[in-house]
Amino acid sequence: MTEIKSDRGFFYFGFLPSTSFFFFYLGDAAAFVRCTFMPPPRPEFENPPDVLYNKTGATRYTSSTRVQTVQRAMTLRALELLGIPSGRQALLLDIGCGSGISGDVIREVGHTWIGVDISKDMLMLAKELEEKEESKLGKEEDSHSDGQDGSKECGGCNPGNDLKNVKWGLITESDDDDKDEEGNEEENTGTMTGPSMVEVLRGDMGQGLPFRPGSFDGAVSISAVQWLCQSDCRGHVPQRRLRALFQSLYNALHRGAKAALQFYPSNVEQVHMITRAAMLCGFTGGMVVDFPHSAKAKKHYLVIQAGQVAGGFLPRLPIDVHDSDEEDEASFSDEEGDEQYMTARVGGRVRVKRSRSHNDGPARKRRRKDNRPVTGTKEWVLLKKAERRKFGLPTTDDSKYTMRKRRPRF
């Protein structure tokens, strides 16, 4: 950067390699550094979300074309990470729904959603946009039905958005049969037009989610979880607020359901703190980072799962015939062995409660799948001694008295 003094102050010009363009500035050097080289402040550093996204902030955020484009792309990616089978309608929870930009994507895919946000103005804007969308769909349906009767010609209607055969409400067995018959037609169409949101609620996700256990088939969150890493008031502890969110989310999801939470961490410590809070609440999963080598396009997704259950959204593992035969032979036991083992089925898992004694009789010996000696026999002791000698550990010598049963004492 070159500095030239003039009558109006200092004149600076130079080249920025990161942006590949020349810059010219006339004024104070400190102001130039603050305006050019300092990144814009993060929203969570300025004000709490309910204060930052007031009526003016909510309108400005929703009307931004770039925000809408990025939010839609991230929502589609989050729905892809959920792994919901195609053609299956699900009830999803949108945490930090805002004005409903991500909810529109969920509706277009064909799912029903319920939103939670702390900003009242954001939720009011979401309701207004939803009412406009419903009135628009109603007019399109009326015009399409009139066009079929012959009274009006509907030249601009899209045949993919035909709602005359859509059944609103709960899905019954008869509806499933109709869906099987029309499965080929649904595959040909790009997106399914389904019901909109059920309701949006105002609440602080750091205080927990007020829903019944097992209410949702999945959950998404776009650019919301990082707000819990900030302490906006005296009683806000980030670790406690994250635990409250993930514990209530674990309870609100079906067993086996997934949640895809996108957030912008300010540092690596926030990633570890959010992931640790989710794992302590019982979730399994991890981080998915898109575009990891890009500073601007990098996106963090926390994909977690609330337990596992057979027949859920998880793909079932293929069963091999030989493996099943070996398991049947290994699990075979006589009546005496069956009395020592008690099985309890919880979800998709089978928990086996064993007795506390180490030698459970012949039933334990039959469960050995490999060719190693049975635990407690002379061959097993000799094998263990050989392993200790291999690692250079002190081992007693073998003799004819090794593992010989002692006489009973007088």
Protein backbone atom coordinates (compact mmCIF):
# COMPACT_ATOMS: atom_id res chain seq x y z
CA MET A 1 0.00 0.00 0.00
CA THR A 2 1.38 3.38 -1.04
CA GLU A 3 0.72 6.58 0.95
CA ILE A 4 0.63 10.02 -0.73
CA LYS A 5 -0.10 13.20 1.20
CA SER A 6 -2.49 15.72 -0.36
CA ASP A 7 -4.38 18.85 0.66
CA ARG A 8 -7.46 16.85 1.73
CA GLY A 9 -5.53 14.31 3.76
CA PHE A 10 -3.73 11.08 2.91
CA PHE A 11 -4.33 9.18 -0.32
CA TYR A 12 -3.86 5.40 -0.32
CA PHE A 13 -3.81 3.00 -3.24
CA GLY A 14 -2.68 -0.58 -3.69
CA PHE A 15 -3.73 -4.14 -4.62
CA LEU A 16 -5.69 -6.71 -2.56
CA PRO A 17 -4.61 -10.27 -3.50
CA SER A 18 -7.61 -11.88 -1.78
CA THR A 19 -10.11 -9.89 -3.86
CA SER A 20 -8.00 -9.36 -7.03
CA PHE A 21 -8.75 -5.66 -7.45
CA PHE A 22 -7.08 -2.31 -6.79
CA PHE A 23 -8.32 0.01 -4.09
CA PHE A 24 -8.19 3.78 -3.71
CA TYR A 25 -8.98 5.58 -0.48
CA LEU A 26 -8.81 9.18 0.65
CA GLY A 27 -8.96 9.82 4.40
CA ASP A 28 -7.66 8.46 7.69
CA ALA A 29 -5.52 5.32 7.69
CA ALA A 30 -7.18 3.89 10.84
CA ALA A 31 -10.65 4.34 9.35
CA PHE A 32 -9.47 2.65 6.17
CA VAL A 33 -8.22 -0.37 8.10
CA ARG A 34 -11.48 -0.61 10.05
CA CYS A 35 -13.62 -0.36 6.88
CA THR A 36 -11.57 -2.61 4.61
CA PHE A 37 -9.78 -5.30 6.59
CA MET A 38 -12.08 -5.99 9.56
CA PRO A 39 -14.80 -8.59 8.86
CA PRO A 40 -18.43 -7.63 9.49
CA PRO A 41 -19.68 -8.40 13.00
CA ARG A 42 -21.61 -11.61 13.55
CA PRO A 43 -25.33 -11.13 14.30
CA GLU A 44 -25.14 -12.94 17.64
CA PHE A 45 -22.44 -10.50 18.80
CA GLU A 46 -24.62 -7.44 18.28
CA ASN A 47 -27.90 -8.02 20.13
CA PRO A 48 -30.10 -10.88 21.37
CA PRO A 49 -32.20 -12.46 18.61
CA ASP A 50 -35.53 -11.10 19.84
CA VAL A 51 -34.05 -7.56 19.82
CA LEU A 52 -32.05 -7.84 16.61
CA TYR A 53 -34.89 -9.30 14.54
CA ASN A 54 -37.59 -6.79 15.30
CA LYS A 55 -40.12 -5.68 12.71
CA THR A 56 -37.54 -3.81 10.66
CA GLY A 57 -34.86 -6.47 11.00
CA ALA A 58 -37.25 -9.31 10.18
CA THR A 59 -38.49 -7.56 7.04
CA ARG A 60 -34.97 -6.75 5.88
CA TYR A 61 -33.80 -10.34 6.55
CA THR A 62 -36.74 -11.95 4.73
CA SER A 63 -36.66 -9.63 1.71
CA SER A 64 -32.97 -10.30 1.03
CA THR A 65 -32.59 -12.37 -2.13
CA ARG A 66 -29.20 -13.73 -1.09
CA VAL A 67 -30.53 -14.87 2.29
CA GLN A 68 -33.40 -16.70 0.62
CA THR A 69 -31.08 -18.44 -1.85
CA VAL A 70 -28.62 -19.57 0.83
CA GLN A 71 -31.38 -20.64 3.25
CA ARG A 72 -33.15 -22.74 0.62
CA ALA A 73 -29.92 -24.46 -0.39
CA MET A 74 -29.02 -25.28 3.21
CA THR A 75 -32.54 -26.55 3.96
CA LEU A 76 -32.44 -28.89 0.98
CA ARG A 77 -29.08 -30.17 2.17
CA ALA A 78 -30.43 -30.71 5.69
CA LEU A 79 -33.41 -32.66 4.34
CA GLU A 80 -31.02 -34.77 2.30
CA LEU A 81 -29.01 -35.58 5.43
CA LEU A 82 -32.17 -36.68 7.26
CA GLY A 83 -32.53 -39.58 4.85
CA ILE A 84 -36.33 -39.69 4.82
CA PRO A 85 -37.58 -42.22 2.23
CA SER A 86 -39.01 -40.66 -0.92
CA GLY A 87 -42.77 -40.62 -1.08
CA ARG A 88 -43.19 -40.74 2.69
CA GLN A 89 -44.72 -37.73 4.38
CA ALA A 90 -43.19 -36.78 7.72
CA LEU A 91 -43.84 -34.28 10.50
CA LEU A 92 -40.70 -32.19 10.96
CA LEU A 93 -39.68 -29.66 13.58
CA ASP A 94 -38.00 -26.45 12.41
CA ILE A 95 -35.92 -25.04 15.27
CA GLY A 96 -35.35 -21.33 14.78
CA CYS A 97 -37.78 -21.18 11.85
CA GLY A 98 -37.71 -17.38 11.60
CA SER A 99 -40.01 -16.08 8.87
CA GLY A 100 -40.55 -19.54 7.38
CA ILE A 101 -38.02 -19.56 4.54
CA SER A 102 -36.86 -23.07 5.40
CA GLY A 103 -40.45 -24.11 6.09
CA ASP A 104 -41.43 -23.28 2.52
CA VAL A 105 -38.79 -25.71 1.29
CA ILE A 106 -40.10 -28.41 3.64
CA ARG A 107 -43.63 -27.83 2.36
CA GLU A 108 -42.53 -28.00 -1.26
CA VAL A 109 -40.83 -31.33 -0.65
CA GLY A 110 -44.12 -32.67 0.73
CA HIS A 111 -43.69 -32.71 4.51
CA THR A 112 -45.56 -31.00 7.33
CA TRP A 113 -43.63 -28.79 9.71
CA ILE A 114 -43.97 -26.99 13.03
CA GLY A 115 -41.75 -23.99 13.75
CA VAL A 116 -40.23 -22.59 16.94
CA ASP A 117 -38.57 -19.18 17.19
CA ILE A 118 -37.94 -16.54 19.84
CA SER A 119 -38.63 -13.50 17.62
CA LYS A 120 -42.28 -12.45 17.66
CA ASP A 121 -41.95 -10.30 14.55
CA MET A 122 -40.40 -13.17 12.63
CA LEU A 123 -43.29 -15.46 13.51
CA MET A 124 -45.89 -12.83 12.59
CA LEU A 125 -44.19 -12.40 9.24
CA ALA A 126 -44.22 -16.18 8.76
CA LYS A 127 -47.97 -16.30 9.43
CA GLU A 128 -48.60 -13.45 6.96
CA LEU A 129 -46.58 -15.19 4.25
CA GLU A 130 -48.41 -18.44 4.95
CA GLU A 131 -51.81 -16.79 4.61
CA LYS A 132 -50.77 -15.30 1.27
CA GLU A 133 -49.56 -18.70 0.10
CA GLU A 134 -52.81 -20.38 1.13
CA SER A 135 -54.92 -17.76 -0.65
CA LYS A 136 -52.74 -18.16 -3.75
CA LEU A 137 -53.16 -21.93 -3.72
CA GLY A 138 -56.91 -21.55 -3.21
CA LYS A 139 -57.23 -19.29 -6.24
CA GLU A 140 -55.20 -21.68 -8.37
CA GLU A 141 -57.39 -24.59 -7.28
CA ASP A 142 -60.59 -22.69 -8.07
CA SER A 143 -59.34 -21.61 -11.46
CA HIS A 144 -58.21 -25.14 -12.27
CA SER A 145 -61.56 -26.64 -11.30
CA ASP A 146 -63.40 -24.00 -13.35
CA GLY A 147 -61.20 -24.76 -16.31
CA GLN A 148 -62.12 -28.44 -16.14
CA ASP A 149 -65.85 -27.63 -16.07
CA GLY A 150 -65.48 -25.60 -19.26
CA SER A 151 -66.51 -22.25 -17.87
CA LYS A 152 -62.96 -20.86 -17.87
CA GLU A 153 -59.75 -21.72 -19.63
CA CYS A 154 -56.74 -22.12 -17.39
CA GLY A 155 -53.78 -21.68 -19.69
CA GLY A 156 -51.19 -20.72 -17.09
CA CYS A 157 -51.93 -23.45 -14.53
CA ASN A 158 -49.13 -25.91 -13.85
CA PRO A 159 -50.35 -29.54 -13.99
CA GLY A 160 -47.76 -30.44 -11.37
CA ASN A 161 -49.57 -28.27 -8.79
CA ASP A 162 -53.00 -29.91 -9.15
CA LEU A 163 -54.58 -30.04 -5.68
CA LYS A 164 -58.00 -31.41 -6.55
CA ASN A 165 -57.12 -34.95 -5.47
CA VAL A 166 -55.13 -34.00 -2.38
CA LYS A 167 -56.63 -35.37 0.85
CA TRP A 168 -55.96 -33.18 3.86
CA GLY A 169 -55.75 -34.74 7.29
CA LEU A 170 -54.50 -38.01 8.73
CA ILE A 171 -53.34 -40.81 6.46
CA THR A 172 -55.51 -43.93 6.57
CA GLU A 173 -55.07 -47.41 5.13
CA SER A 174 -57.25 -46.59 2.14
CA ASP A 175 -55.05 -43.61 1.37
CA ASP A 176 -52.00 -45.87 1.43
CA ASP A 177 -53.65 -48.18 -1.11
CA ASP A 178 -54.40 -45.24 -3.37
CA LYS A 179 -50.84 -44.05 -3.02
CA ASP A 180 -49.50 -47.44 -4.13
CA GLU A 181 -51.66 -47.33 -7.25
CA GLU A 182 -50.48 -43.84 -8.14
CA GLY A 183 -46.83 -44.44 -7.23
CA ASN A 184 -45.62 -44.22 -10.83
CA GLU A 185 -47.28 -40.85 -11.35
CA GLU A 186 -45.65 -39.39 -8.23
CA GLU A 187 -42.21 -40.53 -9.36
CA ASN A 188 -42.60 -38.70 -12.66
CA THR A 189 -43.44 -35.37 -10.99
CA GLY A 190 -40.55 -33.39 -9.54
CA THR A 191 -41.97 -32.23 -6.16
CA MET A 192 -45.03 -33.13 -4.16
CA THR A 193 -47.41 -30.40 -3.06
CA GLY A 194 -48.48 -31.15 0.50
CA PRO A 195 -49.96 -29.38 3.47
CA SER A 196 -48.27 -26.33 4.94
CA MET A 197 -47.16 -25.72 8.49
CA VAL A 198 -49.36 -26.78 11.38
CA GLU A 199 -48.39 -23.93 13.71
CA VAL A 200 -45.49 -21.75 14.76
CA LEU A 201 -44.65 -21.26 18.43
CA ARG A 202 -42.74 -18.57 20.21
CA GLY A 203 -40.20 -19.95 22.64
CA ASP A 204 -36.58 -19.97 23.67
CA MET A 205 -34.90 -23.14 22.48
CA GLY A 206 -32.34 -22.72 25.25
CA GLN A 207 -35.10 -23.44 27.77
CA GLY A 208 -36.27 -26.63 26.05
CA LEU A 209 -38.88 -27.55 23.47
CA PRO A 210 -42.49 -27.85 24.73
CA PHE A 211 -43.55 -30.98 22.84
CA ARG A 212 -44.75 -34.43 23.79
CA PRO A 213 -42.35 -37.37 23.57
CA GLY A 214 -42.12 -38.99 20.15
CA SER A 215 -44.00 -36.25 18.31
CA PHE A 216 -41.72 -35.68 15.30
CA ASP A 217 -40.18 -37.77 12.56
CA GLY A 218 -37.19 -35.45 12.24
CA ALA A 219 -35.88 -31.97 12.93
CA VAL A 220 -33.99 -29.31 11.02
CA SER A 221 -32.38 -26.07 12.12
CA ILE A 222 -30.79 -23.44 9.90
CA SER A 223 -28.40 -20.88 11.40
CA ALA A 224 -29.88 -20.99 14.91
CA VAL A 225 -27.86 -23.20 17.28
CA GLN A 226 -24.88 -20.83 17.43
CA TRP A 227 -27.06 -18.33 19.32
CA LEU A 228 -26.99 -20.62 22.36
CA CYS A 229 -23.22 -20.22 22.62
CA GLN A 230 -23.67 -16.58 23.69
CA SER A 231 -24.63 -15.29 27.14
CA ASP A 232 -27.14 -12.51 26.57
CA CYS A 233 -28.06 -12.13 30.23
CA ARG A 234 -26.71 -13.11 33.63
CA GLY A 235 -28.50 -16.45 33.93
CA HIS A 236 -27.56 -17.76 30.48
CA VAL A 237 -24.98 -20.54 30.65
CA PRO A 238 -24.20 -21.93 27.15
CA GLN A 239 -23.59 -25.49 28.34
CA ARG A 240 -26.86 -25.65 30.26
CA ARG A 241 -28.87 -24.13 27.44
CA LEU A 242 -27.43 -26.58 24.93
CA ARG A 243 -28.19 -29.50 27.23
CA ALA A 244 -31.78 -28.28 27.64
CA LEU A 245 -32.21 -28.06 23.86
CA PHE A 246 -30.79 -31.48 23.02
CA GLN A 247 -32.50 -33.25 25.92
CA SER A 248 -35.93 -31.92 24.93
CA LEU A 249 -35.17 -32.62 21.25
CA TYR A 250 -34.24 -36.21 22.07
CA ASN A 251 -37.56 -36.66 23.85
CA ALA A 252 -39.58 -35.01 21.08
CA LEU A 253 -38.19 -37.25 18.31
CA HIS A 254 -39.24 -40.77 17.47
CA ARG A 255 -36.71 -43.45 18.23
CA GLY A 256 -34.51 -43.73 15.20
CA ALA A 257 -35.36 -40.25 13.89
CA LYS A 258 -32.62 -37.87 12.81
CA ALA A 259 -31.96 -34.17 13.19
CA ALA A 260 -29.81 -32.00 10.90
CA LEU A 261 -28.72 -28.78 12.56
CA GLN A 262 -26.79 -26.23 10.49
CA PHE A 263 -24.90 -23.55 12.37
CA TYR A 264 -22.04 -21.08 11.96
CA PRO A 265 -19.43 -21.61 14.70
CA SER A 266 -17.13 -18.74 15.50
CA ASN A 267 -14.31 -21.08 16.60
CA VAL A 268 -13.50 -24.76 17.04
CA GLU A 269 -14.42 -24.69 20.73
CA GLN A 270 -18.06 -24.01 19.85
CA VAL A 271 -18.13 -27.06 17.57
CA HIS A 272 -16.82 -29.27 20.38
CA MET A 273 -19.21 -27.75 22.91
CA ILE A 274 -22.29 -28.28 20.72
CA THR A 275 -21.28 -31.81 19.73
CA ARG A 276 -20.48 -32.80 23.31
CA ALA A 277 -23.84 -31.51 24.56
CA ALA A 278 -25.65 -33.60 21.94
CA MET A 279 -23.71 -36.76 22.78
CA LEU A 280 -24.29 -36.36 26.51
CA CYS A 281 -28.04 -36.30 25.89
CA GLY A 282 -27.99 -39.69 24.15
CA PHE A 283 -27.63 -38.73 20.49
CA THR A 284 -25.33 -40.52 18.09
CA GLY A 285 -23.84 -39.02 14.96
CA GLY A 286 -21.30 -36.37 14.09
CA MET A 287 -20.37 -33.34 12.04
CA VAL A 288 -20.76 -33.02 8.27
CA VAL A 289 -18.77 -30.15 6.75
CA ASP A 290 -19.53 -29.04 3.20
CA PHE A 291 -16.80 -27.18 1.28
CA PRO A 292 -14.22 -27.56 4.08
CA HIS A 293 -11.47 -25.77 2.13
CA SER A 294 -13.54 -22.64 1.48
CA ALA A 295 -13.67 -19.86 4.05
CA LYS A 296 -16.95 -18.37 2.80
CA ALA A 297 -18.83 -21.42 1.49
CA LYS A 298 -18.02 -23.72 4.43
CA LYS A 299 -21.17 -25.11 6.09
CA HIS A 300 -21.33 -27.13 9.32
CA TYR A 301 -24.13 -29.66 9.82
CA LEU A 302 -24.60 -31.60 13.03
CA VAL A 303 -26.37 -34.81 11.99
CA ILE A 304 -27.57 -36.72 15.05
CA GLN A 305 -29.90 -39.64 15.64
CA ALA A 306 -32.15 -40.34 18.60
CA GLY A 307 -31.46 -44.04 19.16
CA GLN A 308 -32.10 -46.86 16.75
CA VAL A 309 -35.23 -48.84 16.07
CA ALA A 310 -36.02 -51.55 13.56
CA GLY A 311 -38.22 -50.39 10.73
CA GLY A 312 -37.51 -46.67 11.15
CA PHE A 313 -35.91 -44.35 8.64
CA LEU A 314 -32.68 -46.36 8.87
CA PRO A 315 -31.93 -48.77 6.03
CA ARG A 316 -31.90 -52.35 7.23
CA LEU A 317 -28.64 -54.23 6.94
CA PRO A 318 -28.56 -57.19 4.54
CA ILE A 319 -28.75 -60.56 6.27
CA ASP A 320 -26.37 -63.28 5.14
CA VAL A 321 -27.61 -66.87 5.21
CA HIS A 322 -24.38 -68.25 6.61
CA ASP A 323 -24.22 -65.64 9.37
CA SER A 324 -27.78 -66.39 10.42
CA ASP A 325 -27.03 -70.12 10.59
CA GLU A 326 -23.98 -69.51 12.77
CA GLU A 327 -25.97 -67.28 15.09
CA ASP A 328 -28.67 -69.95 15.42
CA GLU A 329 -26.09 -72.58 16.29
CA ALA A 330 -24.33 -70.28 18.73
CA SER A 331 -27.55 -69.25 20.48
CA PHE A 332 -28.72 -72.86 20.84
CA SER A 333 -28.68 -74.06 24.43
CA ASP A 334 -30.39 -76.69 26.55
CA GLU A 335 -32.97 -76.05 29.25
CA GLU A 336 -30.37 -75.65 31.98
CA GLY A 337 -28.51 -73.01 30.01
CA ASP A 338 -31.69 -71.14 29.10
CA GLU A 339 -32.57 -70.72 32.75
CA GLN A 340 -29.32 -68.82 33.32
CA TYR A 341 -29.97 -66.28 30.55
CA MET A 342 -32.83 -63.80 30.47
CA THR A 343 -33.52 -61.72 27.34
CA ALA A 344 -35.32 -58.39 27.34
CA ARG A 345 -36.25 -56.71 24.04
CA VAL A 346 -36.05 -52.91 24.09
CA GLY A 347 -36.75 -51.28 20.72
CA GLY A 348 -34.65 -53.06 18.11
CA ARG A 349 -32.04 -54.41 20.51
CA VAL A 350 -31.96 -57.60 22.55
CA ARG A 351 -30.26 -57.24 25.90
CA VAL A 352 -28.96 -60.42 27.47
CA LYS A 353 -28.69 -60.43 31.25
CA ARG A 354 -26.00 -62.84 32.36
CA SER A 355 -25.31 -64.15 35.80
CA ARG A 356 -22.42 -62.70 37.78
CA SER A 357 -20.44 -65.93 37.95
CA HIS A 358 -17.67 -66.37 35.39
CA ASN A 359 -18.32 -70.08 34.79
CA ASP A 360 -21.90 -70.33 33.56
CA GLY A 361 -21.72 -73.99 32.65
CA PRO A 362 -21.97 -75.63 29.26
CA ALA A 363 -24.15 -72.88 27.81
CA ARG A 364 -21.27 -70.40 27.91
CA LYS A 365 -18.93 -72.89 26.29
CA ARG A 366 -21.29 -73.43 23.37
CA ARG A 367 -21.37 -69.67 22.60
CA ARG A 368 -17.73 -69.73 21.59
CA LYS A 369 -17.66 -69.05 17.82
CA ASP A 370 -13.93 -69.25 17.12
CA ASN A 371 -11.55 -72.19 17.48
CA ARG A 372 -9.87 -70.94 20.65
CA PRO A 373 -9.93 -73.12 23.78
CA VAL A 374 -12.78 -72.71 26.21
CA THR A 375 -12.09 -70.31 29.04
CA GLY A 376 -10.92 -72.06 32.21
CA THR A 377 -9.49 -75.21 30.64
CA LYS A 378 -5.85 -76.34 30.64
CA GLU A 379 -5.42 -75.52 26.95
CA TRP A 380 -6.67 -71.98 27.58
CA VAL A 381 -4.14 -71.48 30.42
CA LEU A 382 -1.29 -72.76 28.27
CA LEU A 383 -2.35 -70.41 25.46
CA LYS A 384 -2.38 -67.44 27.83
CA LYS A 385 1.06 -68.36 29.13
CA ALA A 386 2.38 -68.49 25.58
CA GLU A 387 0.97 -65.04 24.88
CA ARG A 388 2.63 -63.62 28.00
CA ARG A 389 5.99 -65.12 27.04
CA LYS A 390 5.58 -63.62 23.56
CA PHE A 391 5.32 -60.12 25.05
CA GLY A 392 8.20 -60.73 27.46
CA LEU A 393 6.08 -60.78 30.61
CA PRO A 394 7.11 -62.87 33.65
CA THR A 395 5.39 -66.25 33.42
CA THR A 396 5.66 -69.42 35.50
CA ASP A 397 6.93 -72.56 33.86
CA ASP A 398 4.61 -75.30 32.65
CA SER A 399 4.57 -78.59 34.55
CA LYS A 400 2.42 -81.65 35.03
CA TYR A 401 0.65 -79.87 37.87
CA THR A 402 -0.60 -77.04 35.67
CA MET A 403 -4.40 -76.74 36.01
CA ARG A 404 -4.56 -80.02 37.98
CA LYS A 405 -7.43 -80.13 40.40
CA ARG A 406 -6.29 -80.05 44.02
CA ARG A 407 -7.41 -82.52 46.61
CA PRO A 408 -9.99 -81.38 49.14
CA ARG A 409 -8.45 -80.25 52.39
CA PHE A 410 -9.02 -82.12 55.63
